[in-house]
């Protein structure tokens, strides 16, 4: 299996898991603007730090399993994990907040931390 195939499965799984709370609890969806900003920051950090780690020789990828597209020295496939995290974690956070609100009727009000 190529790195792209593995990354695609990982991202698809994250998206499917994130869709469940969005469909069940529409008013508890993760804020798209915050998710987009988080994704942008994670992609920038991944590009910078993966480039530094690859340049310093900490790890390398077999070229036979890559698409060949790179951002800096980081292969495109490396960006699947920040994408999956930026999609999945806000959805899970919303689902857990909703669960807590149902368990404790007064808990929905103030604490967003």
C-alpha atoms as a PDB file:
ATOM      1  CA  UNK A   1       0.000   0.000   0.000  1.00  0.00           C
ATOM      2  CA  UNK A   2       1.220   3.502  -0.791  1.00  0.00           C
ATOM      3  CA  UNK A   3       1.451   6.300   1.745  1.00  0.00           C
ATOM      4  CA  UNK A   4      -1.324   8.081  -0.158  1.00  0.00           C
ATOM      5  CA  UNK A   5      -3.645   5.073   0.150  1.00  0.00           C
ATOM      6  CA  UNK A   6      -3.014   4.813   3.864  1.00  0.00           C
ATOM      7  CA  UNK A   7      -3.480   8.562   4.308  1.00  0.00           C
ATOM      8  CA  UNK A   8      -6.710   8.523   2.283  1.00  0.00           C
ATOM      9  CA  UNK A   9      -8.150   5.773   4.496  1.00  0.00           C
ATOM     10  CA  UNK A  10      -7.173   7.692   7.620  1.00  0.00           C
ATOM     11  CA  UNK A  11      -8.733  10.964   6.411  1.00  0.00           C
ATOM     12  CA  UNK A  12     -11.881   9.212   5.141  1.00  0.00           C
ATOM     13  CA  UNK A  13     -12.333   7.548   8.534  1.00  0.00           C
ATOM     14  CA  UNK A  14     -11.918  10.874  10.334  1.00  0.00           C
ATOM     15  CA  UNK A  15     -14.457  12.559   8.045  1.00  0.00           C
ATOM     16  CA  UNK A  16     -16.998   9.764   8.509  1.00  0.00           C
ATOM     17  CA  UNK A  17     -16.604   9.881  12.280  1.00  0.00           C
ATOM     18  CA  UNK A  18     -16.921  13.688  12.238  1.00  0.00           C
ATOM     19  CA  UNK A  19     -20.099  13.548  10.160  1.00  0.00           C
ATOM     20  CA  UNK A  20     -22.016  11.513  12.729  1.00  0.00           C
ATOM     21  CA  UNK A  21     -22.191  14.216  15.421  1.00  0.00           C
ATOM     22  CA  UNK A  22     -22.797  16.903  12.778  1.00  0.00           C
ATOM     23  CA  UNK A  23     -25.827  15.023  11.457  1.00  0.00           C
ATOM     24  CA  UNK A  24     -27.208  13.985  14.836  1.00  0.00           C
ATOM     25  CA  UNK A  25     -26.655  17.305  16.643  1.00  0.00           C
ATOM     26  CA  UNK A  26     -26.810  20.067  14.012  1.00  0.00           C
ATOM     27  CA  UNK A  27     -26.756  22.938  16.494  1.00  0.00           C
ATOM     28  CA  UNK A  28     -23.622  21.516  18.146  1.00  0.00           C
ATOM     29  CA  UNK A  29     -21.473  21.486  15.008  1.00  0.00           C
ATOM     30  CA  UNK A  30     -17.877  22.518  15.333  1.00  0.00           C
ATOM     31  CA  UNK A  31     -17.396  26.105  14.166  1.00  0.00           C
ATOM     32  CA  UNK A  32     -16.147  25.959  10.564  1.00  0.00           C
ATOM     33  CA  UNK A  33     -14.085  29.151  10.817  1.00  0.00           C
ATOM     34  CA  UNK A  34     -12.168  27.880  13.839  1.00  0.00           C
ATOM     35  CA  UNK A  35     -11.682  24.509  12.175  1.00  0.00           C
ATOM     36  CA  UNK A  36     -10.375  26.177   9.007  1.00  0.00           C
ATOM     37  CA  UNK A  37      -7.959  28.384  10.940  1.00  0.00           C
ATOM     38  CA  UNK A  38      -6.736  25.383  12.921  1.00  0.00           C
ATOM     39  CA  UNK A  39      -6.192  23.451   9.694  1.00  0.00           C
ATOM     40  CA  UNK A  40      -4.218  26.338   8.181  1.00  0.00           C
ATOM     41  CA  UNK A  41      -1.956  26.603  11.232  1.00  0.00           C
ATOM     42  CA  UNK A  42      -1.418  22.830  11.359  1.00  0.00           C
ATOM     43  CA  UNK A  43      -0.537  22.682   7.653  1.00  0.00           C
ATOM     44  CA  UNK A  44       1.983  25.523   8.054  1.00  0.00           C
ATOM     45  CA  UNK A  45       3.545  23.920  11.114  1.00  0.00           C
ATOM     46  CA  UNK A  46       3.692  20.538   9.385  1.00  0.00           C
ATOM     47  CA  UNK A  47       5.378  22.063   6.341  1.00  0.00           C
ATOM     48  CA  UNK A  48       8.002  23.829   8.437  1.00  0.00           C
ATOM     49  CA  UNK A  49       8.795  21.141  10.988  1.00  0.00           C
ATOM     50  CA  UNK A  50       8.633  18.167   8.609  1.00  0.00           C
ATOM     51  CA  UNK A  51      10.982  20.007   6.272  1.00  0.00           C
ATOM     52  CA  UNK A  52      13.407  20.621   9.140  1.00  0.00           C
ATOM     53  CA  UNK A  53      13.225  17.007  10.345  1.00  0.00           C
ATOM     54  CA  UNK A  54      13.671  15.564   6.859  1.00  0.00           C
ATOM     55  CA  UNK A  55      16.557  17.953   6.096  1.00  0.00           C
ATOM     56  CA  UNK A  56      18.304  16.964   9.327  1.00  0.00           C
ATOM     57  CA  UNK A  57      17.996  13.276   8.456  1.00  0.00           C
ATOM     58  CA  UNK A  58      15.664  12.251  11.276  1.00  0.00           C
ATOM     59  CA  UNK A  59      13.536  10.266   8.821  1.00  0.00           C
ATOM     60  CA  UNK A  60      12.966   9.722   5.136  1.00  0.00           C
ATOM     61  CA  UNK A  61      10.340   8.201   2.868  1.00  0.00           C
ATOM     62  CA  UNK A  62      10.702   5.557   0.208  1.00  0.00           C
ATOM     63  CA  UNK A  63      10.174   7.394  -3.090  1.00  0.00           C
ATOM     64  CA  UNK A  64       8.475   4.317  -4.556  1.00  0.00           C
ATOM     65  CA  UNK A  65       5.505   4.793  -2.220  1.00  0.00           C
ATOM     66  CA  UNK A  66       5.017   8.549  -2.656  1.00  0.00           C
ATOM     67  CA  UNK A  67       3.058  10.597  -5.182  1.00  0.00           C
ATOM     68  CA  UNK A  68       6.067  12.866  -5.620  1.00  0.00           C
ATOM     69  CA  UNK A  69       4.338  16.138  -4.677  1.00  0.00           C
ATOM     70  CA  UNK A  70       6.147  17.966  -1.887  1.00  0.00           C
ATOM     71  CA  UNK A  71       5.625  21.108   0.140  1.00  0.00           C
ATOM     72  CA  UNK A  72       9.113  22.070   1.182  1.00  0.00           C
ATOM     73  CA  UNK A  73      10.688  18.673   1.770  1.00  0.00           C
ATOM     74  CA  UNK A  74       7.499  17.202   3.239  1.00  0.00           C
ATOM     75  CA  UNK A  75       5.578  14.847   0.962  1.00  0.00           C
ATOM     76  CA  UNK A  76       1.936  15.656   0.350  1.00  0.00           C
ATOM     77  CA  UNK A  77       0.909  12.509   2.217  1.00  0.00           C
ATOM     78  CA  UNK A  78       2.278  13.976   5.470  1.00  0.00           C
ATOM     79  CA  UNK A  79      -0.494  16.557   5.484  1.00  0.00           C
ATOM     80  CA  UNK A  80      -3.257  13.962   5.838  1.00  0.00           C
ATOM     81  CA  UNK A  81      -2.730  13.611   9.572  1.00  0.00           C
ATOM     82  CA  UNK A  82      -3.133  17.306  10.448  1.00  0.00           C
ATOM     83  CA  UNK A  83      -6.201  17.362   8.162  1.00  0.00           C
ATOM     84  CA  UNK A  84      -7.718  14.390   9.953  1.00  0.00           C
ATOM     85  CA  UNK A  85      -6.961  15.914  13.351  1.00  0.00           C
ATOM     86  CA  UNK A  86      -8.466  19.279  12.426  1.00  0.00           C
ATOM     87  CA  UNK A  87     -11.651  17.559  11.241  1.00  0.00           C
ATOM     88  CA  UNK A  88     -12.000  14.872  13.894  1.00  0.00           C
ATOM     89  CA  UNK A  89     -11.077  16.592  17.155  1.00  0.00           C
ATOM     90  CA  UNK A  90     -13.610  19.476  17.008  1.00  0.00           C
ATOM     91  CA  UNK A  91     -16.359  16.992  16.130  1.00  0.00           C
ATOM     92  CA  UNK A  92     -15.452  14.792  19.083  1.00  0.00           C
ATOM     93  CA  UNK A  93     -15.291  17.847  21.348  1.00  0.00           C
ATOM     94  CA  UNK A  94     -18.797  18.885  20.276  1.00  0.00           C
ATOM     95  CA  UNK A  95     -20.112  15.369  20.806  1.00  0.00           C
ATOM     96  CA  UNK A  96     -18.631  15.170  24.294  1.00  0.00           C
ATOM     97  CA  UNK A  97     -19.998  18.611  25.218  1.00  0.00           C
ATOM     98  CA  UNK A  98     -23.444  17.552  24.050  1.00  0.00           C
ATOM     99  CA  UNK A  99     -23.225  14.344  26.062  1.00  0.00           C
ATOM    100  CA  UNK A 100     -22.233  16.314  29.165  1.00  0.00           C
ATOM    101  CA  UNK A 101     -25.074  18.788  28.611  1.00  0.00           C
ATOM    102  CA  UNK A 102     -27.603  15.959  28.421  1.00  0.00           C
ATOM    103  CA  UNK A 103     -26.220  14.356  31.584  1.00  0.00           C
ATOM    104  CA  UNK A 104     -26.179  17.637  33.541  1.00  0.00           C
ATOM    105  CA  UNK A 105     -29.010  19.940  32.438  1.00  0.00           C
ATOM    106  CA  UNK A 106     -27.338  23.092  33.894  1.00  0.00           C
ATOM    107  CA  UNK A 107     -23.855  22.328  32.481  1.00  0.00           C
ATOM    108  CA  UNK A 108     -24.383  23.822  29.002  1.00  0.00           C
ATOM    109  CA  UNK A 109     -24.297  27.450  30.155  1.00  0.00           C
ATOM    110  CA  UNK A 110     -20.883  28.844  30.899  1.00  0.00           C
ATOM    111  CA  UNK A 111     -17.826  26.601  30.834  1.00  0.00           C
ATOM    112  CA  UNK A 112     -16.344  26.394  27.307  1.00  0.00           C
ATOM    113  CA  UNK A 113     -12.822  25.471  28.403  1.00  0.00           C
END
